[in-house]
């Protein structure tokens, strides 16, 4: 469980420093907008477009950004707990219509027959396992076909041309290894599925960036990464999340709430048809709004607590301007996960190497 801190303490830690924090090449100030759009008649494409329009439109959101990577959450090969291709398709269409170069990238955690066998999840750095695993996940979830039809490069972030990128004021790392494509884009767009998470409490736009740690360096599943972070006392895997946020050009988050997951996510919870799209250019604000819609308070989520402690804004949901539908009109109290510290499961999951 996250350490509880009061709203006054939230504000105190942020006002002690600057009102601005730069992550990568993006600066987030205390004024931020998040859009909420109900999906009606399963028309995901319309809802995604409306959510972007409420932020000022695609030209405004991507001003000065020509090369954009879309990062879905494809933790494994099941469509039950992964970002729906329809959301990525809608975003890619909008961006390509605006003249942008679009890529899709992911480094999935696991897949049956690769690093998950006989009910055991293994960690591996082997490219001969991770490359076909990633192709299998893309194929199974319809992303290979989507990329081919839309003529969009599909990037396996586990391997290939890797580079080191500095992490300013990192919690764990002063530099991380990334796929070179992440340094060559102008903007990263995180497109997670709305879910609960037994380690992180919720997994949304920022948690989705764990998939950027290449498995050929940090292993996949990323139990080695969490072991390393635990040595730094990372609460709820917050430190490894925030280091990756700082290392990248995260400029847009679009949360797929068409179907969500409650309970013991990210893979073993129950599905909930939420029919909502949430979008924003500030990753913390967008995640805060989504978590609030799910019935979570800000200080229940360690990533939010430590993001604010480190200077990220907003510090409170009241600092966010909501456009479109209201939080209350789409809110549902999710069944909360049984939050387990990484150190309690580190000896039983992702321990064996293959």
Foldseek 3Di string as FASTA:
>chain_A
DFDDDDLVVLVVLQVVDDQWDDFPNDIDGLEWAKEKFFFDPVCLLVQLQVRQVLRVAPCVLQPVFAEEEEEWQLQEQDPQQTFAVVNVLSVVVRNVVVVHAYAYEFQHQDYPPQQQDPNAGAWELDPVRRVVRVVNSCVSRVNVVSCVVSVHHYYHWQDDAKDKFAQPPALQDRIAIFHVVQVVGQEYEYEYEWEAAQLQQTQFRLNSLVRRRHCNVCIGVNLSVLVSVVVSVQGSCQRVSVSSSSRGRHFKYKYDQCKYFFEHDSVPGDIDRQRMIMMIRQVLLRVCLSVVLQVDAQSVGSNSSVCSSVNDDDSHNVSYHYPDDDSVVRHDHGHTYNHDHSVVCSVPHNPHHD
